[in-house]
C-alpha atoms as a PDB file:
ATOM      1  CA  UNK A   1      24.836  -4.273  -7.123  1.00  0.00           C
ATOM      2  CA  UNK A   2      23.991  -6.329  -4.290  1.00  0.00           C
ATOM      3  CA  UNK A   3      27.797  -6.242  -3.472  1.00  0.00           C
ATOM      4  CA  UNK A   4      28.093  -2.624  -3.685  1.00  0.00           C
ATOM      5  CA  UNK A   5      25.095  -2.346  -1.175  1.00  0.00           C
ATOM      6  CA  UNK A   6      26.790  -4.975   1.017  1.00  0.00           C
ATOM      7  CA  UNK A   7      29.985  -3.175   1.160  1.00  0.00           C
ATOM      8  CA  UNK A   8      28.365   0.374   1.855  1.00  0.00           C
ATOM      9  CA  UNK A   9      26.374  -0.910   4.562  1.00  0.00           C
ATOM     10  CA  UNK A  10      29.177  -2.806   6.207  1.00  0.00           C
ATOM     11  CA  UNK A  11      31.380   0.278   6.047  1.00  0.00           C
ATOM     12  CA  UNK A  12      28.395   2.252   7.699  1.00  0.00           C
ATOM     13  CA  UNK A  13      27.991  -0.428  10.516  1.00  0.00           C
ATOM     14  CA  UNK A  14      31.742  -0.259  11.072  1.00  0.00           C
ATOM     15  CA  UNK A  15      31.724   3.477  11.382  1.00  0.00           C
ATOM     16  CA  UNK A  16      28.911   3.484  13.777  1.00  0.00           C
ATOM     17  CA  UNK A  17      30.826   0.802  15.948  1.00  0.00           C
ATOM     18  CA  UNK A  18      33.778   2.929  16.069  1.00  0.00           C
ATOM     19  CA  UNK A  19      31.910   5.862  17.570  1.00  0.00           C
ATOM     20  CA  UNK A  20      31.497   6.431  21.202  1.00  0.00           C
ATOM     21  CA  UNK A  21      28.141   5.301  22.554  1.00  0.00           C
ATOM     22  CA  UNK A  22      26.836   8.853  23.494  1.00  0.00           C
ATOM     23  CA  UNK A  23      27.647   9.944  19.792  1.00  0.00           C
ATOM     24  CA  UNK A  24      25.540   7.036  18.324  1.00  0.00           C
ATOM     25  CA  UNK A  25      22.681   7.820  20.742  1.00  0.00           C
ATOM     26  CA  UNK A  26      22.552  11.579  19.784  1.00  0.00           C
ATOM     27  CA  UNK A  27      22.734  10.539  16.151  1.00  0.00           C
ATOM     28  CA  UNK A  28      20.050   7.912  16.658  1.00  0.00           C
ATOM     29  CA  UNK A  29      18.011  10.414  18.364  1.00  0.00           C
ATOM     30  CA  UNK A  30      18.404  13.240  15.684  1.00  0.00           C
ATOM     31  CA  UNK A  31      17.476  10.559  12.950  1.00  0.00           C
ATOM     32  CA  UNK A  32      14.257   9.736  14.914  1.00  0.00           C
ATOM     33  CA  UNK A  33      13.269  13.435  15.247  1.00  0.00           C
ATOM     34  CA  UNK A  34      13.860  13.807  11.397  1.00  0.00           C
ATOM     35  CA  UNK A  35      11.796  10.813  10.567  1.00  0.00           C
ATOM     36  CA  UNK A  36       8.875  12.021  12.963  1.00  0.00           C
ATOM     37  CA  UNK A  37       9.163  15.337  11.210  1.00  0.00           C
ATOM     38  CA  UNK A  38       9.109  13.924   7.557  1.00  0.00           C
ATOM     39  CA  UNK A  39       6.705  11.054   7.991  1.00  0.00           C
ATOM     40  CA  UNK A  40       3.432  12.964   8.501  1.00  0.00           C
ATOM     41  CA  UNK A  41       1.213  10.428   6.967  1.00  0.00           C
ATOM     42  CA  UNK A  42       2.209   7.547   9.449  1.00  0.00           C
ATOM     43  CA  UNK A  43       1.768   9.933  12.396  1.00  0.00           C
ATOM     44  CA  UNK A  44      -1.816  10.849  11.168  1.00  0.00           C
ATOM     45  CA  UNK A  45      -2.752   7.118  10.846  1.00  0.00           C
ATOM     46  CA  UNK A  46      -1.365   6.601  14.335  1.00  0.00           C
ATOM     47  CA  UNK A  47      -3.424   9.238  15.671  1.00  0.00           C
ATOM     48  CA  UNK A  48      -6.479   8.045  13.961  1.00  0.00           C
ATOM     49  CA  UNK A  49      -6.119   4.504  15.167  1.00  0.00           C
ATOM     50  CA  UNK A  50      -5.674   5.858  18.668  1.00  0.00           C
ATOM     51  CA  UNK A  51      -8.809   7.961  18.278  1.00  0.00           C
ATOM     52  CA  UNK A  52     -10.740   4.947  17.033  1.00  0.00           C
ATOM     53  CA  UNK A  53      -9.598   2.811  20.154  1.00  0.00           C
ATOM     54  CA  UNK A  54      -9.559   5.370  22.960  1.00  0.00           C
ATOM     55  CA  UNK A  55     -11.848   8.218  21.995  1.00  0.00           C
ATOM     56  CA  UNK A  56     -14.060   7.617  25.038  1.00  0.00           C
ATOM     57  CA  UNK A  57     -11.406   7.603  27.636  1.00  0.00           C
ATOM     58  CA  UNK A  58      -8.776  10.286  26.264  1.00  0.00           C
ATOM     59  CA  UNK A  59      -8.597  13.665  24.808  1.00  0.00           C
ATOM     60  CA  UNK A  60      -7.530  14.560  21.263  1.00  0.00           C
ATOM     61  CA  UNK A  61      -4.416  16.319  22.822  1.00  0.00           C
ATOM     62  CA  UNK A  62      -3.512  13.106  24.478  1.00  0.00           C
ATOM     63  CA  UNK A  63      -3.392  11.402  21.149  1.00  0.00           C
ATOM     64  CA  UNK A  64      -0.920  13.644  19.736  1.00  0.00           C
ATOM     65  CA  UNK A  65       1.437  13.234  22.670  1.00  0.00           C
ATOM     66  CA  UNK A  66       0.936   9.446  22.195  1.00  0.00           C
ATOM     67  CA  UNK A  67       1.717   9.521  18.684  1.00  0.00           C
ATOM     68  CA  UNK A  68       4.868  11.183  19.178  1.00  0.00           C
ATOM     69  CA  UNK A  69       6.189   8.169  21.287  1.00  0.00           C
ATOM     70  CA  UNK A  70       4.979   5.607  19.128  1.00  0.00           C
ATOM     71  CA  UNK A  71       7.017   6.540  16.071  1.00  0.00           C
END
């Protein structure tokens, strides 16, 4: 099983290395946006932590913006 995973990962890395850098950047950004949309639980934890630390200095709307850049 480990060998199969190794060869799949190696093939994926070689595919990414063969692509132009601009494509890789766009694919990475799209994957990041998808992860941001799907991972609601961690985003809400980040907002909660920011609120606990900075509730007197910042507004809740600013925490939402910060949480987008953290993930």
